[in-house]
Amino acid sequence: MLPVWSAVALPLVPIIAGYPLRTASPPRGLYALVFHVFSSFTTLASFLALAVELQYGGRVKFFFGQAEPAALVFAALTASVVSLRQRSTAKRAVNLLALGGIVWNRVTLGTASPTSPSFIALVGCLGWAVKKLLTDGAPRPPDADGYVTF
């Protein structure tokens, strides 16, 4: 069992990764794109690490050794991120790519059961991520300095 600090520190990673985007003068152009992608990937990675910790860590006895409830926790957390408004195109694209990869992996490995609640939830999140990427937000015009934010 890992020390408690390692489980508590997981949510801090995306918060720190996205900090430059919340400053008074956030990065623009490609630097903004890099921070949006990094922040979004670390958010999903921390959700995945939390699900793995729940399943294998032994801290929460209800989840220990149970793949389906841990996967449902991951799906719920990911759905909460997909549902957020005013996310950048880069963040919405990362959500779509990551969820697509997870669903694809489950299908190709043969672990995708049509009756599995976690698989159904992940497919629903994937569909929602597609909808959000295609419908939320129009391309943003350049700002006064000529930079395009992502």
C-alpha atoms as a PDB file:
ATOM      1  CA  MET A   1       0.000   0.000   0.000  1.00  0.00           C
ATOM      2  CA  LEU A   2       1.361   3.385  -0.992  1.00  0.00           C
ATOM      3  CA  PRO A   3       1.631   6.154   1.581  1.00  0.00           C
ATOM      4  CA  VAL A   4      -1.513   8.246   2.033  1.00  0.00           C
ATOM      5  CA  TRP A   5       0.299  11.307   0.684  1.00  0.00           C
ATOM      6  CA  SER A   6       0.576   9.739  -2.773  1.00  0.00           C
ATOM      7  CA  ALA A   7      -3.220   9.324  -2.975  1.00  0.00           C
ATOM      8  CA  VAL A   8      -3.874  12.811  -1.588  1.00  0.00           C
ATOM      9  CA  ALA A   9      -1.422  14.409  -4.019  1.00  0.00           C
ATOM     10  CA  LEU A  10      -3.139  13.019  -7.130  1.00  0.00           C
ATOM     11  CA  PRO A  11      -5.670  15.862  -7.509  1.00  0.00           C
ATOM     12  CA  LEU A  12      -2.944  18.464  -7.050  1.00  0.00           C
ATOM     13  CA  VAL A  13      -1.176  17.510 -10.295  1.00  0.00           C
ATOM     14  CA  PRO A  14      -3.783  18.926 -12.725  1.00  0.00           C
ATOM     15  CA  ILE A  15      -4.322  21.951 -10.506  1.00  0.00           C
ATOM     16  CA  ILE A  16      -0.615  22.767 -10.665  1.00  0.00           C
ATOM     17  CA  ALA A  17      -0.419  21.889 -14.380  1.00  0.00           C
ATOM     18  CA  GLY A  18      -3.196  24.339 -15.224  1.00  0.00           C
ATOM     19  CA  TYR A  19      -1.998  27.128 -12.955  1.00  0.00           C
ATOM     20  CA  PRO A  20      -0.421  29.236 -15.734  1.00  0.00           C
ATOM     21  CA  LEU A  21      -3.824  29.345 -17.456  1.00  0.00           C
ATOM     22  CA  ARG A  22      -5.369  30.978 -14.380  1.00  0.00           C
ATOM     23  CA  THR A  23      -2.795  33.722 -13.867  1.00  0.00           C
ATOM     24  CA  ALA A  24      -3.356  37.408 -14.590  1.00  0.00           C
ATOM     25  CA  SER A  25      -1.470  37.107 -17.876  1.00  0.00           C
ATOM     26  CA  PRO A  26      -2.064  33.576 -19.169  1.00  0.00           C
ATOM     27  CA  PRO A  27       0.108  32.187 -21.937  1.00  0.00           C
ATOM     28  CA  ARG A  28      -1.085  32.695 -25.487  1.00  0.00           C
ATOM     29  CA  GLY A  29      -0.636  30.950 -28.793  1.00  0.00           C
ATOM     30  CA  LEU A  30       1.153  27.620 -28.774  1.00  0.00           C
ATOM     31  CA  TYR A  31       2.149  28.022 -25.129  1.00  0.00           C
ATOM     32  CA  ALA A  32      -1.529  28.149 -24.203  1.00  0.00           C
ATOM     33  CA  LEU A  33      -2.181  25.044 -26.296  1.00  0.00           C
ATOM     34  CA  VAL A  34       0.583  23.170 -24.473  1.00  0.00           C
ATOM     35  CA  PHE A  35      -0.811  24.066 -21.047  1.00  0.00           C
ATOM     36  CA  HIS A  36      -4.400  23.199 -22.065  1.00  0.00           C
ATOM     37  CA  VAL A  37      -3.338  19.774 -23.349  1.00  0.00           C
ATOM     38  CA  PHE A  38      -1.072  19.085 -20.351  1.00  0.00           C
ATOM     39  CA  SER A  39      -3.726  20.175 -17.869  1.00  0.00           C
ATOM     40  CA  SER A  40      -6.421  18.068 -19.491  1.00  0.00           C
ATOM     41  CA  PHE A  41      -4.260  14.947 -19.747  1.00  0.00           C
ATOM     42  CA  THR A  42      -3.140  15.224 -16.134  1.00  0.00           C
ATOM     43  CA  THR A  43      -6.764  15.623 -15.030  1.00  0.00           C
ATOM     44  CA  LEU A  44      -7.781  12.393 -16.751  1.00  0.00           C
ATOM     45  CA  ALA A  45      -4.601  10.658 -15.590  1.00  0.00           C
ATOM     46  CA  SER A  46      -5.309  11.604 -11.976  1.00  0.00           C
ATOM     47  CA  PHE A  47      -8.866  10.209 -12.320  1.00  0.00           C
ATOM     48  CA  LEU A  48      -7.443   6.991 -13.714  1.00  0.00           C
ATOM     49  CA  ALA A  49      -4.846   6.800 -10.938  1.00  0.00           C
ATOM     50  CA  LEU A  50      -7.587   7.323  -8.357  1.00  0.00           C
ATOM     51  CA  ALA A  51      -9.611   4.469  -9.879  1.00  0.00           C
ATOM     52  CA  VAL A  52      -6.554   2.206  -9.784  1.00  0.00           C
ATOM     53  CA  GLU A  53      -5.875   3.243  -6.182  1.00  0.00           C
ATOM     54  CA  LEU A  54      -9.486   2.425  -5.262  1.00  0.00           C
ATOM     55  CA  GLN A  55      -9.309  -0.980  -6.924  1.00  0.00           C
ATOM     56  CA  TYR A  56      -5.867  -2.082  -5.743  1.00  0.00           C
ATOM     57  CA  GLY A  57      -4.897   0.216  -2.873  1.00  0.00           C
ATOM     58  CA  GLY A  58      -7.006  -1.329  -0.148  1.00  0.00           C
ATOM     59  CA  ARG A  59      -7.829   1.971   1.583  1.00  0.00           C
ATOM     60  CA  VAL A  60     -11.544   1.779   0.752  1.00  0.00           C
ATOM     61  CA  LYS A  61     -12.656  -1.792   1.392  1.00  0.00           C
ATOM     62  CA  PHE A  62     -15.786  -1.492  -0.773  1.00  0.00           C
ATOM     63  CA  PHE A  63     -13.703  -0.915  -3.917  1.00  0.00           C
ATOM     64  CA  PHE A  64     -10.781  -3.228  -3.133  1.00  0.00           C
ATOM     65  CA  GLY A  65     -10.457  -5.839  -5.875  1.00  0.00           C
ATOM     66  CA  GLN A  66     -13.634  -4.626  -7.577  1.00  0.00           C
ATOM     67  CA  ALA A  67     -12.977  -3.447 -11.145  1.00  0.00           C
ATOM     68  CA  GLU A  68     -16.520  -2.389 -12.027  1.00  0.00           C
ATOM     69  CA  PRO A  69     -17.160   0.075  -9.158  1.00  0.00           C
ATOM     70  CA  ALA A  70     -13.702   1.626  -9.627  1.00  0.00           C
ATOM     71  CA  ALA A  71     -14.361   2.002 -13.369  1.00  0.00           C
ATOM     72  CA  LEU A  72     -17.698   3.658 -12.585  1.00  0.00           C
ATOM     73  CA  VAL A  73     -15.909   6.174 -10.363  1.00  0.00           C
ATOM     74  CA  PHE A  74     -13.573   6.977 -13.255  1.00  0.00           C
ATOM     75  CA  ALA A  75     -16.527   7.302 -15.657  1.00  0.00           C
ATOM     76  CA  ALA A  76     -18.381   9.621 -13.260  1.00  0.00           C
ATOM     77  CA  LEU A  77     -15.361  11.862 -12.739  1.00  0.00           C
ATOM     78  CA  THR A  78     -14.680  11.966 -16.467  1.00  0.00           C
ATOM     79  CA  ALA A  79     -18.322  12.816 -17.177  1.00  0.00           C
ATOM     80  CA  SER A  80     -18.048  15.704 -14.731  1.00  0.00           C
ATOM     81  CA  VAL A  81     -15.099  17.094 -16.708  1.00  0.00           C
ATOM     82  CA  VAL A  82     -16.794  16.548 -20.076  1.00  0.00           C
ATOM     83  CA  SER A  83     -19.868  18.417 -18.820  1.00  0.00           C
ATOM     84  CA  LEU A  84     -17.985  21.603 -17.961  1.00  0.00           C
ATOM     85  CA  ARG A  85     -18.820  24.688 -19.976  1.00  0.00           C
ATOM     86  CA  GLN A  86     -16.392  26.960 -21.765  1.00  0.00           C
ATOM     87  CA  ARG A  87     -13.631  24.384 -22.060  1.00  0.00           C
ATOM     88  CA  SER A  88     -11.049  25.065 -24.718  1.00  0.00           C
ATOM     89  CA  THR A  89     -11.066  23.145 -27.970  1.00  0.00           C
ATOM     90  CA  ALA A  90      -7.792  21.508 -26.985  1.00  0.00           C
ATOM     91  CA  LYS A  91      -9.247  20.256 -23.691  1.00  0.00           C
ATOM     92  CA  ARG A  92     -12.382  18.944 -25.406  1.00  0.00           C
ATOM     93  CA  ALA A  93     -10.219  17.182 -28.004  1.00  0.00           C
ATOM     94  CA  VAL A  94      -8.076  15.563 -25.297  1.00  0.00           C
ATOM     95  CA  ASN A  95     -11.230  14.313 -23.553  1.00  0.00           C
ATOM     96  CA  LEU A  96     -12.445  12.810 -26.818  1.00  0.00           C
ATOM     97  CA  LEU A  97      -9.117  11.197 -27.684  1.00  0.00           C
ATOM     98  CA  ALA A  98      -8.585   9.748 -24.217  1.00  0.00           C
ATOM     99  CA  LEU A  99     -12.108   8.358 -23.948  1.00  0.00           C
ATOM    100  CA  GLY A 100     -11.898   7.000 -27.490  1.00  0.00           C
ATOM    101  CA  GLY A 101      -8.655   5.244 -26.614  1.00  0.00           C
ATOM    102  CA  ILE A 102     -10.097   3.745 -23.440  1.00  0.00           C
ATOM    103  CA  VAL A 103     -13.238   2.480 -25.195  1.00  0.00           C
ATOM    104  CA  TRP A 104     -11.169   1.167 -28.130  1.00  0.00           C
ATOM    105  CA  ASN A 105      -8.831  -0.618 -25.725  1.00  0.00           C
ATOM    106  CA  ARG A 106     -11.710  -2.279 -23.899  1.00  0.00           C
ATOM    107  CA  VAL A 107     -13.246  -3.428 -27.185  1.00  0.00           C
ATOM    108  CA  THR A 108     -10.005  -4.800 -28.626  1.00  0.00           C
ATOM    109  CA  LEU A 109      -9.027  -6.556 -25.386  1.00  0.00           C
ATOM    110  CA  GLY A 110     -12.427  -8.177 -25.148  1.00  0.00           C
ATOM    111  CA  THR A 111     -13.297  -6.600 -21.795  1.00  0.00           C
ATOM    112  CA  ALA A 112     -16.205  -4.605 -23.233  1.00  0.00           C
ATOM    113  CA  SER A 113     -19.420  -6.286 -22.211  1.00  0.00           C
ATOM    114  CA  PRO A 114     -22.617  -4.646 -23.507  1.00  0.00           C
ATOM    115  CA  THR A 115     -24.151  -5.245 -20.063  1.00  0.00           C
ATOM    116  CA  SER A 116     -21.261  -3.672 -18.154  1.00  0.00           C
ATOM    117  CA  PRO A 117     -22.422  -0.424 -16.514  1.00  0.00           C
ATOM    118  CA  SER A 118     -18.933   1.064 -16.712  1.00  0.00           C
ATOM    119  CA  PHE A 119     -18.628   0.298 -20.446  1.00  0.00           C
ATOM    120  CA  ILE A 120     -22.054   1.820 -21.097  1.00  0.00           C
ATOM    121  CA  ALA A 121     -21.063   4.887 -19.054  1.00  0.00           C
ATOM    122  CA  LEU A 122     -17.773   5.267 -20.936  1.00  0.00           C
ATOM    123  CA  VAL A 123     -19.501   4.967 -24.320  1.00  0.00           C
ATOM    124  CA  GLY A 124     -21.996   7.598 -23.138  1.00  0.00           C
ATOM    125  CA  CYS A 125     -19.133   9.873 -22.056  1.00  0.00           C
ATOM    126  CA  LEU A 126     -17.475   9.329 -25.424  1.00  0.00           C
ATOM    127  CA  GLY A 127     -20.647  10.316 -27.265  1.00  0.00           C
ATOM    128  CA  TRP A 128     -21.027  13.353 -25.035  1.00  0.00           C
ATOM    129  CA  ALA A 129     -17.402  14.325 -25.679  1.00  0.00           C
ATOM    130  CA  VAL A 130     -18.019  14.115 -29.443  1.00  0.00           C
ATOM    131  CA  LYS A 131     -21.082  16.330 -29.077  1.00  0.00           C
ATOM    132  CA  LYS A 132     -19.220  18.846 -26.924  1.00  0.00           C
ATOM    133  CA  LEU A 133     -16.298  19.015 -29.355  1.00  0.00           C
ATOM    134  CA  LEU A 134     -18.559  19.567 -32.355  1.00  0.00           C
ATOM    135  CA  THR A 135     -21.085  21.968 -30.848  1.00  0.00           C
ATOM    136  CA  ASP A 136     -19.497  23.911 -27.977  1.00  0.00           C
ATOM    137  CA  GLY A 137     -17.678  27.084 -28.785  1.00  0.00           C
ATOM    138  CA  ALA A 138     -16.847  28.706 -32.055  1.00  0.00           C
ATOM    139  CA  PRO A 139     -13.285  29.418 -33.132  1.00  0.00           C
ATOM    140  CA  ARG A 140     -11.955  32.356 -31.179  1.00  0.00           C
ATOM    141  CA  PRO A 141     -10.690  35.425 -32.993  1.00  0.00           C
ATOM    142  CA  PRO A 142      -7.160  36.690 -32.321  1.00  0.00           C
ATOM    143  CA  ASP A 143      -6.791  39.011 -29.353  1.00  0.00           C
ATOM    144  CA  ALA A 144      -5.403  42.545 -29.553  1.00  0.00           C
ATOM    145  CA  ASP A 145      -1.833  41.243 -29.842  1.00  0.00           C
ATOM    146  CA  GLY A 146      -2.733  38.829 -32.641  1.00  0.00           C
ATOM    147  CA  TYR A 147      -2.601  35.663 -30.521  1.00  0.00           C
ATOM    148  CA  VAL A 148      -5.257  32.977 -30.825  1.00  0.00           C
ATOM    149  CA  THR A 149      -6.236  31.264 -27.597  1.00  0.00           C
ATOM    150  CA  PHE A 150      -7.125  27.584 -27.642  1.00  0.00           C
END
